[in-house]
N, C-alpha and C. Protein backbone atom coordinates (compact mmCIF):
# COMPACT_ATOMS: atom_id res chain seq x y z
N ILE A 1 -22.20 21.20 -50.16
CA ILE A 1 -22.91 20.40 -50.56
C ILE A 1 -24.23 20.85 -50.40
N ALA A 2 -25.08 21.18 -51.99
CA ALA A 2 -26.27 22.09 -52.40
C ALA A 2 -27.44 20.78 -51.15
N GLU A 3 -27.71 21.77 -50.55
CA GLU A 3 -28.92 21.88 -49.63
C GLU A 3 -30.43 20.75 -50.15
N GLU A 4 -31.13 21.29 -51.57
CA GLU A 4 -31.76 20.95 -52.43
C GLU A 4 -31.32 18.61 -52.72
N SER A 5 -30.07 18.57 -52.74
CA SER A 5 -29.52 17.67 -53.06
C SER A 5 -29.92 16.43 -52.01
N LEU A 6 -30.04 16.63 -50.79
CA LEU A 6 -29.90 15.92 -49.69
C LEU A 6 -31.82 15.54 -49.18
N THR A 7 -31.54 14.31 -49.46
CA THR A 7 -33.05 13.72 -49.58
C THR A 7 -32.94 13.96 -47.72
N PRO A 8 -34.73 13.97 -47.40
CA PRO A 8 -34.52 13.05 -45.58
C PRO A 8 -33.85 11.50 -45.72
N GLU A 9 -33.95 10.87 -46.66
CA GLU A 9 -32.92 9.66 -46.52
C GLU A 9 -31.67 9.94 -46.75
N GLY A 10 -31.07 10.73 -47.61
CA GLY A 10 -29.77 10.73 -47.74
C GLY A 10 -29.56 11.46 -47.00
N LEU A 11 -30.29 12.12 -46.23
CA LEU A 11 -29.33 12.84 -44.83
C LEU A 11 -29.33 12.15 -43.55
N ALA A 12 -30.06 11.15 -43.67
CA ALA A 12 -29.98 9.79 -42.77
C ALA A 12 -28.77 9.04 -42.60
N GLY A 13 -28.84 8.48 -43.83
CA GLY A 13 -27.48 7.98 -44.52
C GLY A 13 -26.02 8.38 -44.08
N PHE A 14 -25.76 9.71 -44.88
CA PHE A 14 -24.97 10.72 -44.17
C PHE A 14 -24.59 11.26 -42.94
N ALA A 15 -25.76 10.72 -42.10
CA ALA A 15 -25.62 11.66 -40.56
C ALA A 15 -25.21 9.83 -40.24
N ARG A 16 -25.57 8.78 -40.56
CA ARG A 16 -24.47 7.42 -39.91
C ARG A 16 -23.21 7.58 -40.00
N LEU A 17 -23.31 7.29 -41.24
CA LEU A 17 -21.10 7.47 -41.82
C LEU A 17 -20.76 8.32 -41.12
N LEU A 18 -21.24 9.66 -40.53
CA LEU A 18 -20.04 10.41 -39.73
C LEU A 18 -20.20 10.46 -38.22
N ALA A 19 -21.49 9.29 -38.17
CA ALA A 19 -21.42 8.98 -36.39
C ALA A 19 -20.49 7.70 -36.49
N GLU A 20 -19.80 7.12 -37.91
CA GLU A 20 -19.48 5.98 -37.80
C GLU A 20 -17.68 6.71 -37.38
N GLN A 21 -17.37 7.78 -37.08
CA GLN A 21 -15.67 8.89 -37.79
C GLN A 21 -15.42 8.10 -36.37
N PRO A 22 -14.12 8.21 -36.38
CA PRO A 22 -13.25 8.06 -35.27
C PRO A 22 -13.24 9.51 -34.19
N SER A 23 -13.01 8.49 -32.68
CA SER A 23 -12.97 9.64 -31.88
C SER A 23 -12.74 11.35 -32.12
N TRP A 24 -11.17 11.74 -32.80
CA TRP A 24 -10.99 12.80 -33.45
C TRP A 24 -11.55 13.27 -34.45
N SER A 25 -12.41 13.14 -35.01
CA SER A 25 -13.21 13.30 -36.27
C SER A 25 -13.98 13.47 -36.50
N ASP A 26 -14.36 15.42 -36.79
CA ASP A 26 -15.42 15.86 -37.36
C ASP A 26 -15.73 16.66 -38.40
N PHE A 27 -15.91 15.55 -39.18
CA PHE A 27 -15.55 16.22 -40.93
C PHE A 27 -16.45 18.22 -40.88
N PRO A 28 -16.39 18.83 -41.50
CA PRO A 28 -16.77 19.73 -41.38
C PRO A 28 -17.46 20.07 -43.09
N LEU A 29 -18.27 20.29 -42.58
CA LEU A 29 -19.30 20.67 -43.83
C LEU A 29 -19.69 21.65 -44.13
N ILE A 30 -19.75 22.58 -45.74
CA ILE A 30 -20.56 23.72 -46.16
C ILE A 30 -21.65 23.41 -47.23
N VAL A 31 -22.81 23.54 -46.41
CA VAL A 31 -24.23 23.45 -47.17
C VAL A 31 -24.62 24.74 -47.92
N ILE A 32 -24.64 24.54 -49.07
CA ILE A 32 -25.17 26.12 -49.54
C ILE A 32 -26.82 25.92 -49.96
N SER A 33 -27.67 27.03 -49.47
CA SER A 33 -28.66 26.59 -49.46
C SER A 33 -30.15 27.36 -50.19
N GLU A 34 -30.93 27.29 -50.78
CA GLU A 34 -31.82 28.08 -51.46
C GLU A 34 -31.93 29.04 -50.77
N GLU A 35 -32.25 30.22 -51.96
CA GLU A 35 -33.08 31.43 -51.42
C GLU A 35 -34.54 31.24 -51.25
N GLY A 36 -35.13 31.98 -50.24
CA GLY A 36 -36.16 32.71 -50.68
C GLY A 36 -37.80 31.22 -49.98
N ILE A 37 -36.70 30.04 -49.41
CA ILE A 37 -37.74 29.25 -48.58
C ILE A 37 -38.48 29.45 -47.45
N SER A 38 -39.94 29.32 -47.70
CA SER A 38 -40.72 29.39 -46.16
C SER A 38 -40.41 29.06 -45.47
N PRO A 39 -40.18 30.03 -44.10
CA PRO A 39 -39.36 29.79 -42.56
C PRO A 39 -39.77 28.23 -42.21
N THR A 40 -41.32 27.71 -42.44
CA THR A 40 -41.86 26.22 -42.15
C THR A 40 -40.70 25.48 -42.96
N VAL A 41 -40.50 25.57 -43.83
CA VAL A 41 -39.87 24.09 -44.50
C VAL A 41 -37.90 24.36 -44.39
N THR A 42 -37.53 25.69 -44.04
CA THR A 42 -36.19 25.80 -43.72
C THR A 42 -36.09 25.61 -42.35
N ALA A 43 -37.02 25.71 -41.72
CA ALA A 43 -36.65 25.12 -39.94
C ALA A 43 -36.84 24.08 -40.07
N ARG A 44 -37.28 22.87 -41.07
CA ARG A 44 -37.63 21.56 -41.22
C ARG A 44 -36.12 21.27 -41.75
N ARG A 45 -35.72 21.57 -42.77
CA ARG A 45 -34.26 21.35 -43.34
C ARG A 45 -33.50 21.50 -42.60
N TYR A 46 -33.10 22.31 -41.79
CA TYR A 46 -32.06 22.66 -41.23
C TYR A 46 -32.22 21.78 -40.12
N ALA A 47 -33.42 21.71 -39.36
CA ALA A 47 -33.13 20.58 -38.15
C ALA A 47 -32.65 19.36 -38.62
N LEU A 48 -33.04 18.84 -40.10
CA LEU A 48 -32.27 17.85 -40.63
C LEU A 48 -30.78 17.69 -40.85
N LEU A 49 -30.38 19.11 -41.07
CA LEU A 49 -28.88 19.16 -41.69
C LEU A 49 -28.28 19.51 -40.43
N HIS A 50 -28.48 19.62 -38.92
CA HIS A 50 -28.20 19.80 -38.04
C HIS A 50 -27.68 18.54 -37.30
N GLN A 51 -28.26 17.55 -38.08
CA GLN A 51 -27.75 16.01 -37.61
C GLN A 51 -26.48 15.80 -38.36
N LEU A 52 -26.19 16.71 -39.08
CA LEU A 52 -24.72 15.92 -39.67
C LEU A 52 -23.25 16.78 -38.85
N GLY A 53 -23.88 17.35 -37.57
CA GLY A 53 -22.79 18.12 -36.75
C GLY A 53 -22.02 19.72 -37.19
N ASN A 54 -20.68 19.50 -37.89
CA ASN A 54 -20.10 20.41 -37.85
C ASN A 54 -20.26 20.89 -38.80
N LEU A 55 -21.36 21.79 -39.32
CA LEU A 55 -21.84 22.26 -39.98
C LEU A 55 -22.19 23.83 -40.44
N MET A 56 -21.46 24.57 -41.64
CA MET A 56 -21.44 25.95 -42.36
C MET A 56 -22.64 26.17 -43.42
N MET A 57 -23.62 27.00 -42.90
CA MET A 57 -24.78 26.86 -44.01
C MET A 57 -23.90 28.27 -45.30
N LEU A 58 -24.55 28.18 -46.02
CA LEU A 58 -24.02 29.80 -46.67
C LEU A 58 -25.66 29.34 -47.81
N GLU A 59 -26.26 30.69 -47.59
CA GLU A 59 -27.54 31.21 -48.46
C GLU A 59 -27.28 31.43 -49.82
N ARG A 60 -27.63 31.25 -50.45
CA ARG A 60 -27.26 32.05 -52.40
C ARG A 60 -28.42 33.20 -52.14
N PRO A 61 -28.27 34.10 -53.18
CA PRO A 61 -26.50 34.65 -53.50
C PRO A 61 -25.18 34.61 -52.58
N PHE A 62 -24.46 34.05 -53.05
CA PHE A 62 -23.00 34.92 -51.35
C PHE A 62 -22.08 35.31 -52.85
N HIS A 63 -21.27 35.92 -52.15
CA HIS A 63 -20.19 36.52 -53.09
C HIS A 63 -18.99 35.25 -53.51
N HIS A 64 -18.41 34.52 -54.25
CA HIS A 64 -17.12 34.06 -53.76
C HIS A 64 -16.05 33.76 -52.78
N GLU A 65 -15.83 35.27 -52.40
CA GLU A 65 -14.97 35.35 -51.26
C GLU A 65 -15.74 34.92 -50.04
N THR A 66 -17.02 34.68 -49.94
CA THR A 66 -17.18 33.88 -48.83
C THR A 66 -17.44 32.53 -48.96
N LEU A 67 -17.94 31.99 -50.54
CA LEU A 67 -17.37 30.56 -50.39
C LEU A 67 -15.96 29.89 -50.06
N ILE A 68 -14.67 30.82 -50.38
CA ILE A 68 -13.67 30.79 -50.63
C ILE A 68 -13.53 30.79 -48.73
N THR A 69 -13.50 31.51 -48.06
CA THR A 69 -13.58 31.62 -46.84
C THR A 69 -13.64 30.46 -46.06
N ALA A 70 -15.06 30.13 -45.86
CA ALA A 70 -15.80 29.18 -45.59
C ALA A 70 -15.06 27.74 -45.80
N VAL A 71 -14.39 27.77 -46.93
CA VAL A 71 -13.88 26.27 -47.27
C VAL A 71 -12.40 26.53 -46.49
N MET A 72 -11.95 27.94 -46.63
CA MET A 72 -10.38 28.02 -45.82
C MET A 72 -10.73 27.44 -44.57
N SER A 73 -11.74 28.18 -43.96
CA SER A 73 -12.19 27.82 -42.25
C SER A 73 -12.16 26.10 -42.05
N ALA A 74 -12.99 25.77 -43.36
CA ALA A 74 -13.39 24.55 -43.29
C ALA A 74 -11.97 23.28 -43.19
N LEU A 75 -10.92 23.82 -44.35
CA LEU A 75 -9.60 23.03 -43.99
C LEU A 75 -9.08 23.41 -42.64
N ARG A 76 -9.03 24.55 -42.22
CA ARG A 76 -8.15 24.73 -41.21
C ARG A 76 -8.33 24.13 -39.82
N ASN A 77 -10.11 23.61 -39.82
CA ASN A 77 -10.74 23.07 -38.88
C ASN A 77 -10.25 21.35 -38.99
N ARG A 78 -10.23 21.23 -40.18
CA ARG A 78 -9.75 19.77 -40.48
C ARG A 78 -8.24 19.67 -40.38
N ARG A 79 -7.70 20.02 -40.55
CA ARG A 79 -5.80 20.04 -39.99
C ARG A 79 -6.12 20.10 -38.55
N ARG A 80 -6.79 20.77 -38.01
CA ARG A 80 -6.18 21.10 -36.22
C ARG A 80 -6.64 19.64 -36.23
N GLN A 81 -7.41 18.94 -37.08
CA GLN A 81 -8.40 17.23 -36.29
C GLN A 81 -7.49 16.39 -36.46
N TYR A 82 -6.80 16.70 -37.86
CA TYR A 82 -5.26 15.99 -37.80
C TYR A 82 -4.49 15.67 -37.23
N GLU A 83 -4.06 16.79 -36.87
CA GLU A 83 -3.23 17.14 -35.81
C GLU A 83 -3.24 16.76 -34.51
N THR A 84 -4.76 17.19 -33.92
CA THR A 84 -5.53 15.94 -32.89
C THR A 84 -5.19 14.50 -32.87
N ARG A 85 -5.43 14.20 -34.00
CA ARG A 85 -5.28 12.62 -34.21
C ARG A 85 -3.52 12.25 -33.84
N SER A 86 -2.62 12.78 -34.63
CA SER A 86 -1.51 12.96 -34.31
C SER A 86 -0.97 12.67 -32.79
N HIS A 87 -1.48 13.59 -31.93
CA HIS A 87 -1.09 13.86 -30.91
C HIS A 87 -2.06 12.53 -29.81
N LEU A 88 -2.82 12.27 -30.42
CA LEU A 88 -3.57 10.90 -30.14
C LEU A 88 -2.66 9.29 -30.12
N ILE A 89 -2.17 9.25 -31.04
CA ILE A 89 -1.23 8.72 -31.83
C ILE A 89 -0.46 8.32 -30.64
N GLN A 90 0.13 9.59 -30.51
CA GLN A 90 1.69 9.51 -29.83
C GLN A 90 1.59 9.61 -28.35
N LEU A 91 -0.01 9.78 -27.99
CA LEU A 91 0.24 9.02 -26.45
C LEU A 91 -0.77 7.56 -26.15
N LYS A 92 -1.07 7.45 -27.23
CA LYS A 92 -1.18 5.97 -27.39
C LYS A 92 -0.15 4.90 -27.31
N GLN A 93 0.82 5.72 -27.87
CA GLN A 93 2.20 4.76 -28.08
C GLN A 93 2.88 5.15 -26.58
N ARG A 94 3.08 6.25 -26.07
CA ARG A 94 3.59 6.10 -24.76
C ARG A 94 3.00 5.53 -23.58
N ASP A 95 1.39 5.14 -24.15
CA ASP A 95 0.86 4.67 -23.34
C ASP A 95 1.13 3.07 -23.20
N ASP A 96 0.95 2.77 -24.75
CA ASP A 96 2.01 1.55 -24.93
C ASP A 96 3.42 1.11 -24.10
N MET A 97 4.25 2.79 -24.21
CA MET A 97 5.57 1.90 -23.37
C MET A 97 5.28 1.61 -22.33
N PHE A 98 4.74 2.76 -21.41
CA PHE A 98 4.73 3.10 -20.31
C PHE A 98 4.06 1.35 -19.45
N THR A 99 3.00 1.18 -20.34
CA THR A 99 2.03 -0.31 -20.01
C THR A 99 3.32 -1.52 -20.28
N GLU A 100 4.22 -1.56 -20.92
CA GLU A 100 5.34 -2.46 -21.26
C GLU A 100 5.95 -2.54 -20.13
N LEU A 101 6.67 -1.31 -20.11
CA LEU A 101 7.94 -0.56 -18.79
C LEU A 101 7.49 -1.46 -17.85
N ASN A 102 6.14 -0.51 -17.80
CA ASN A 102 5.42 -1.51 -15.78
C ASN A 102 5.67 -2.60 -15.87
N LYS A 103 4.95 -3.20 -17.12
CA LYS A 103 4.93 -4.98 -16.86
C LYS A 103 6.15 -5.56 -16.68
N HIS A 104 7.38 -4.84 -17.32
CA HIS A 104 8.96 -5.22 -17.20
C HIS A 104 9.39 -5.57 -15.50
N LEU A 105 8.44 -4.42 -15.14
CA LEU A 105 8.85 -3.47 -13.33
C LEU A 105 8.61 -4.65 -12.85
N GLU A 106 6.74 -4.78 -12.83
CA GLU A 106 6.48 -5.82 -12.50
C GLU A 106 7.35 -6.87 -12.12
N ASN A 107 7.82 -7.83 -13.27
CA ASN A 107 8.55 -8.83 -13.43
C ASN A 107 9.75 -8.43 -12.45
N ARG A 108 9.69 -7.66 -12.90
CA ARG A 108 11.68 -7.64 -11.79
C ARG A 108 11.15 -7.77 -10.28
N VAL A 109 10.32 -7.42 -10.36
CA VAL A 109 9.82 -6.54 -8.93
C VAL A 109 9.55 -8.60 -8.10
N ALA A 110 9.38 -9.18 -9.35
CA ALA A 110 8.38 -10.57 -8.51
C ALA A 110 10.03 -10.93 -8.74
N VAL A 111 10.82 -11.19 -9.37
CA VAL A 111 12.26 -12.06 -9.23
C VAL A 111 12.42 -11.56 -8.12
N ARG A 112 12.62 -9.98 -8.11
CA ARG A 112 13.92 -9.41 -6.58
C ARG A 112 12.77 -9.88 -5.71
N THR A 113 11.37 -10.05 -5.46
CA THR A 113 10.89 -10.44 -4.23
C THR A 113 11.09 -12.22 -4.03
N GLN A 114 11.06 -12.63 -4.54
CA GLN A 114 11.33 -14.10 -5.06
C GLN A 114 13.10 -14.35 -4.33
N GLU A 115 13.99 -13.63 -5.00
CA GLU A 115 14.93 -13.40 -4.70
C GLU A 115 14.87 -13.18 -3.04
N LEU A 116 14.82 -12.27 -2.32
CA LEU A 116 14.96 -12.21 -1.36
C LEU A 116 13.77 -13.03 -0.19
N THR A 117 12.59 -13.57 -0.58
CA THR A 117 12.27 -15.00 -0.03
C THR A 117 13.33 -15.76 0.45
N SER A 118 13.90 -15.89 -0.65
CA SER A 118 14.47 -17.37 -0.81
C SER A 118 16.03 -16.77 0.12
N SER A 119 16.22 -15.90 -0.15
CA SER A 119 17.40 -15.31 1.17
C SER A 119 16.94 -15.03 2.56
N GLN A 120 16.06 -14.73 2.76
CA GLN A 120 15.25 -15.38 3.97
C GLN A 120 15.27 -16.44 4.51
N ASP A 121 14.63 -17.10 3.79
CA ASP A 121 14.64 -18.31 3.73
C ASP A 121 16.20 -19.28 4.35
N ALA A 122 16.93 -19.02 3.70
CA ALA A 122 18.66 -19.20 3.86
C ALA A 122 19.25 -19.06 4.97
N LEU A 123 18.80 -17.33 5.17
CA LEU A 123 19.23 -16.88 6.64
C LEU A 123 18.66 -17.62 7.59
N ALA A 124 17.33 -17.75 7.56
CA ALA A 124 16.38 -18.25 8.57
C ALA A 124 17.32 -19.92 8.62
N GLN A 125 17.62 -20.67 8.15
CA GLN A 125 18.66 -21.79 7.92
C GLN A 125 19.66 -22.28 8.15
N ALA A 126 19.99 -21.03 7.93
CA ALA A 126 21.31 -20.49 8.63
C ALA A 126 21.76 -20.39 10.12
N GLN A 127 20.57 -19.49 10.68
CA GLN A 127 20.45 -19.38 12.37
C GLN A 127 19.77 -20.28 12.77
N LYS A 128 19.04 -21.18 12.26
CA LYS A 128 18.75 -23.00 13.04
C LYS A 128 20.05 -23.43 13.06
N LEU A 129 20.65 -23.49 11.96
CA LEU A 129 21.88 -24.56 12.07
C LEU A 129 22.78 -23.94 13.49
N GLU A 130 23.01 -22.49 13.05
CA GLU A 130 24.14 -22.00 14.12
C GLU A 130 23.33 -22.08 15.56
N ALA A 131 22.24 -22.34 15.54
CA ALA A 131 21.86 -22.52 16.85
C ALA A 131 21.69 -24.06 17.86
N ILE A 132 21.40 -25.24 16.82
CA ILE A 132 21.94 -25.94 16.85
C ILE A 132 23.07 -26.42 17.20
N GLY A 133 24.14 -26.28 16.21
CA GLY A 133 25.71 -25.85 16.32
C GLY A 133 26.14 -25.59 17.74
N ARG A 134 25.35 -24.29 18.30
CA ARG A 134 25.73 -23.91 19.58
C ARG A 134 25.30 -24.39 21.13
N LEU A 135 24.18 -25.27 20.78
CA LEU A 135 23.95 -26.52 21.52
C LEU A 135 24.47 -27.18 21.83
N ALA A 136 25.01 -28.09 20.16
CA ALA A 136 25.64 -29.42 20.35
C ALA A 136 27.11 -28.64 20.67
N GLY A 137 27.84 -27.72 20.70
CA GLY A 137 29.25 -27.52 21.19
C GLY A 137 28.68 -27.55 22.48
N GLY A 138 27.82 -26.94 23.22
CA GLY A 138 27.54 -26.98 24.81
C GLY A 138 27.36 -27.99 25.22
N VAL A 139 26.81 -28.91 24.27
CA VAL A 139 26.32 -30.24 25.19
C VAL A 139 27.98 -30.86 25.12
N ALA A 140 28.59 -30.80 24.06
CA ALA A 140 30.16 -31.77 23.83
C ALA A 140 30.75 -31.28 25.02
N HIS A 141 30.53 -30.17 24.58
CA HIS A 141 32.07 -29.11 25.93
C HIS A 141 31.80 -29.88 27.50
N ASP A 142 29.90 -29.56 28.03
CA ASP A 142 29.98 -30.81 29.18
C ASP A 142 30.27 -31.87 29.40
N PHE A 143 30.06 -32.63 28.03
CA PHE A 143 30.29 -33.89 28.41
C PHE A 143 31.68 -34.44 28.34
N ASN A 144 32.42 -33.42 27.11
CA ASN A 144 34.02 -33.78 27.12
C ASN A 144 34.40 -33.78 28.43
N ASN A 145 33.97 -32.71 29.96
CA ASN A 145 34.55 -32.94 30.81
C ASN A 145 34.24 -33.90 31.61
N LEU A 146 33.49 -34.55 31.53
CA LEU A 146 32.73 -35.59 32.24
C LEU A 146 33.87 -36.89 31.75
N ILE A 147 33.55 -37.03 30.84
CA ILE A 147 34.64 -38.12 30.10
C ILE A 147 36.30 -37.96 30.47
N THR A 148 36.40 -36.29 29.99
CA THR A 148 37.73 -36.23 30.91
C THR A 148 37.78 -36.72 32.24
N GLY A 149 36.91 -36.85 33.14
CA GLY A 149 37.18 -37.12 34.34
C GLY A 149 37.35 -38.55 34.74
N ILE A 150 36.67 -39.32 33.95
CA ILE A 150 36.11 -40.88 33.63
C ILE A 150 37.20 -41.33 32.90
N LEU A 151 37.83 -41.09 32.05
CA LEU A 151 39.09 -41.59 31.99
C LEU A 151 40.14 -41.44 32.38
N GLY A 152 40.79 -40.30 33.40
CA GLY A 152 41.33 -40.01 34.44
C GLY A 152 41.34 -41.25 35.48
N ILE A 153 39.72 -41.21 36.35
CA ILE A 153 39.68 -42.15 37.22
C ILE A 153 39.69 -43.55 36.49
N VAL A 154 39.19 -44.12 35.37
CA VAL A 154 39.63 -45.49 35.47
C VAL A 154 41.02 -45.86 34.53
N GLN A 155 41.76 -44.80 34.18
CA GLN A 155 43.09 -44.76 34.15
C GLN A 155 44.10 -45.40 35.51
N ASP A 156 43.56 -44.44 36.00
CA ASP A 156 44.40 -44.94 37.38
C ASP A 156 43.50 -45.99 37.77
N VAL A 157 42.69 -46.53 38.44
CA VAL A 157 42.28 -47.68 38.93
C VAL A 157 42.99 -48.81 37.84
N SER A 158 42.96 -48.97 36.79
CA SER A 158 43.57 -49.52 35.58
C SER A 158 44.87 -49.95 36.31
N ASN A 159 45.58 -48.65 36.38
CA ASN A 159 47.30 -48.91 37.35
C ASN A 159 47.60 -48.91 38.23
N ASP A 160 46.64 -49.01 38.97
CA ASP A 160 46.68 -49.45 40.19
C ASP A 160 46.10 -50.98 40.82
N LEU A 161 45.20 -51.47 39.86
CA LEU A 161 44.94 -53.30 39.58
C LEU A 161 45.94 -53.79 39.31
N GLY A 162 46.35 -53.57 37.94
CA GLY A 162 47.56 -53.53 37.34
C GLY A 162 47.00 -54.90 36.24
N PRO A 163 47.68 -55.50 35.24
CA PRO A 163 47.31 -56.04 33.76
C PRO A 163 46.87 -57.64 34.67
N LYS A 164 47.34 -58.22 35.66
CA LYS A 164 47.17 -59.38 36.12
C LYS A 164 45.27 -59.61 36.61
N ASP A 165 44.72 -58.38 36.55
CA ASP A 165 44.00 -58.05 37.75
C ASP A 165 42.62 -58.71 37.16
N SER A 166 41.82 -58.83 37.35
CA SER A 166 40.10 -59.57 36.32
C SER A 166 39.44 -59.03 35.83
N HIS A 167 39.89 -57.69 36.56
CA HIS A 167 38.48 -56.76 36.17
C HIS A 167 39.25 -55.58 34.97
N HIS A 168 41.09 -56.24 34.70
CA HIS A 168 41.61 -55.27 33.74
C HIS A 168 40.92 -55.12 32.48
N LYS A 169 40.50 -56.57 31.98
CA LYS A 169 39.89 -56.40 30.72
C LYS A 169 38.87 -55.56 30.78
N ASP A 170 37.98 -56.17 31.35
CA ASP A 170 36.92 -54.61 31.57
C ASP A 170 37.13 -53.24 31.67
N LEU A 171 38.59 -52.84 32.51
CA LEU A 171 38.28 -51.48 32.38
C LEU A 171 39.28 -50.73 31.13
N LEU A 172 39.70 -51.98 30.32
CA LEU A 172 40.44 -51.75 28.89
C LEU A 172 39.03 -51.02 27.89
N SER A 173 37.67 -51.64 28.41
CA SER A 173 36.41 -51.85 27.50
C SER A 173 36.09 -50.71 28.18
N VAL A 174 36.22 -50.19 29.07
CA VAL A 174 35.38 -48.80 29.54
C VAL A 174 36.59 -47.93 29.24
N LEU A 175 37.61 -48.06 29.27
CA LEU A 175 38.71 -47.45 28.62
C LEU A 175 38.55 -47.13 27.12
N ASP A 176 38.18 -48.08 26.58
CA ASP A 176 37.62 -47.99 24.91
C ASP A 176 36.76 -47.23 24.99
N ALA A 177 35.50 -47.36 25.42
CA ALA A 177 34.62 -46.51 24.96
C ALA A 177 34.43 -45.24 25.58
N ALA A 178 35.50 -44.61 26.40
CA ALA A 178 35.48 -43.29 27.27
C ALA A 178 36.20 -43.06 25.87
N ASN A 179 37.28 -43.17 24.89
CA ASN A 179 38.12 -42.31 24.29
C ASN A 179 37.05 -41.97 23.05
N ARG A 180 36.11 -43.29 22.48
CA ARG A 180 35.04 -43.22 21.31
C ARG A 180 34.29 -42.34 22.23
N ALA A 181 34.05 -42.18 23.18
CA ALA A 181 33.16 -40.44 23.81
C ALA A 181 33.62 -39.64 23.13
N GLY A 182 35.08 -39.39 23.92
CA GLY A 182 35.94 -38.37 23.42
C GLY A 182 35.56 -38.33 22.36
N GLN A 183 35.82 -38.41 21.41
CA GLN A 183 35.95 -38.40 19.67
C GLN A 183 34.78 -38.11 19.31
N LEU A 184 33.99 -38.71 19.55
CA LEU A 184 32.35 -38.03 19.32
C LEU A 184 32.46 -36.63 19.67
N THR A 185 32.48 -36.19 20.94
CA THR A 185 32.60 -34.95 21.58
C THR A 185 33.47 -33.90 20.93
N ARG A 186 34.45 -34.51 20.59
CA ARG A 186 35.22 -33.52 19.35
C ARG A 186 34.89 -33.25 18.16
N GLN A 187 33.91 -34.52 17.41
CA GLN A 187 33.56 -33.86 16.81
C GLN A 187 32.12 -32.50 16.75
N LEU A 188 31.59 -33.18 17.98
CA LEU A 188 30.16 -31.97 18.25
C LEU A 188 30.99 -31.14 18.34
N LEU A 189 32.20 -30.68 19.27
CA LEU A 189 32.52 -29.55 19.34
C LEU A 189 33.07 -29.07 18.20
N ALA A 190 33.68 -30.14 16.77
CA ALA A 190 34.10 -29.14 15.47
C ALA A 190 32.49 -28.26 15.06
N PHE A 191 31.67 -28.96 15.04
CA PHE A 191 30.35 -28.99 14.48
C PHE A 191 29.94 -27.51 15.33
N GLY A 192 30.32 -27.32 16.65
CA GLY A 192 29.44 -26.37 17.33
C GLY A 192 30.73 -24.96 17.26
N ARG A 193 32.01 -25.22 16.49
CA ARG A 193 32.84 -24.28 16.35
C ARG A 193 33.51 -24.31 17.54
N ARG A 194 33.23 -25.04 18.78
CA ARG A 194 33.72 -24.76 19.88
C ARG A 194 35.27 -25.36 20.35
N GLN A 195 35.96 -26.42 19.20
CA GLN A 195 36.95 -27.44 19.37
C GLN A 195 38.07 -26.44 19.96
N VAL A 196 38.35 -26.97 21.00
CA VAL A 196 39.71 -25.94 21.51
C VAL A 196 41.30 -26.61 20.63
N VAL A 197 41.61 -25.20 20.31
CA VAL A 197 42.70 -25.80 19.72
C VAL A 197 43.88 -26.42 20.23
N ASN A 198 44.47 -27.26 19.92
CA ASN A 198 45.94 -27.68 20.83
C ASN A 198 47.18 -27.61 19.57
N PRO A 199 48.29 -26.89 19.84
CA PRO A 199 49.19 -26.57 19.06
C PRO A 199 50.00 -27.51 19.00
N THR A 200 50.76 -28.31 18.77
CA THR A 200 51.73 -29.35 18.44
C THR A 200 52.31 -29.25 17.89
N VAL A 201 53.80 -29.22 17.94
CA VAL A 201 55.18 -29.30 17.03
C VAL A 201 55.00 -29.60 16.08
N VAL A 202 56.03 -29.93 15.20
CA VAL A 202 56.07 -30.68 14.04
C VAL A 202 57.56 -30.25 13.41
N GLU A 203 57.64 -31.68 12.90
CA GLU A 203 59.30 -31.70 11.99
C GLU A 203 58.81 -31.37 10.50
N MET A 204 59.12 -29.77 10.17
CA MET A 204 58.97 -30.00 9.06
C MET A 204 59.39 -30.58 7.84
């Protein structure tokens, strides 16, 4: 860019455009300045030009090799910026991938946590049922001993009195109730897993 073609207004507009560049970009500029400008004017223009950022100034007259070297340097600078952009894009893609993986992992952790909570609840319920079963089995076992004694005594009394006795019918009712109580205790023992196994011979 020729320095004399840049007015203060033009420089301000150009500076705004450069300020809107993405973070990876720093557009290189080569400004060709005039020779023999007064120091005051040169300082003022340089201050304005300095707002443009990545700036290289060439003062007339200059050798064409100088211009070529400046252009090649600016191109290398710009190429490195594009390489930086590529790296930033790759980092963004990796970040997005890790974010997605992290989200997936969080979902899996939530599911496994829910499964573990359900398993713990089921285990607690099973332990409660086991405790109830043990309690019921213990009570039924003791109650069954009492019923067995009652059945034996009532059976003996019934046999002694005989069927003609006026209390024989009442004793049969007591036996029936005791047998039903015994059946109930056997169910409780089975629930408490404390039922005594009674082997029986069968005809195959």
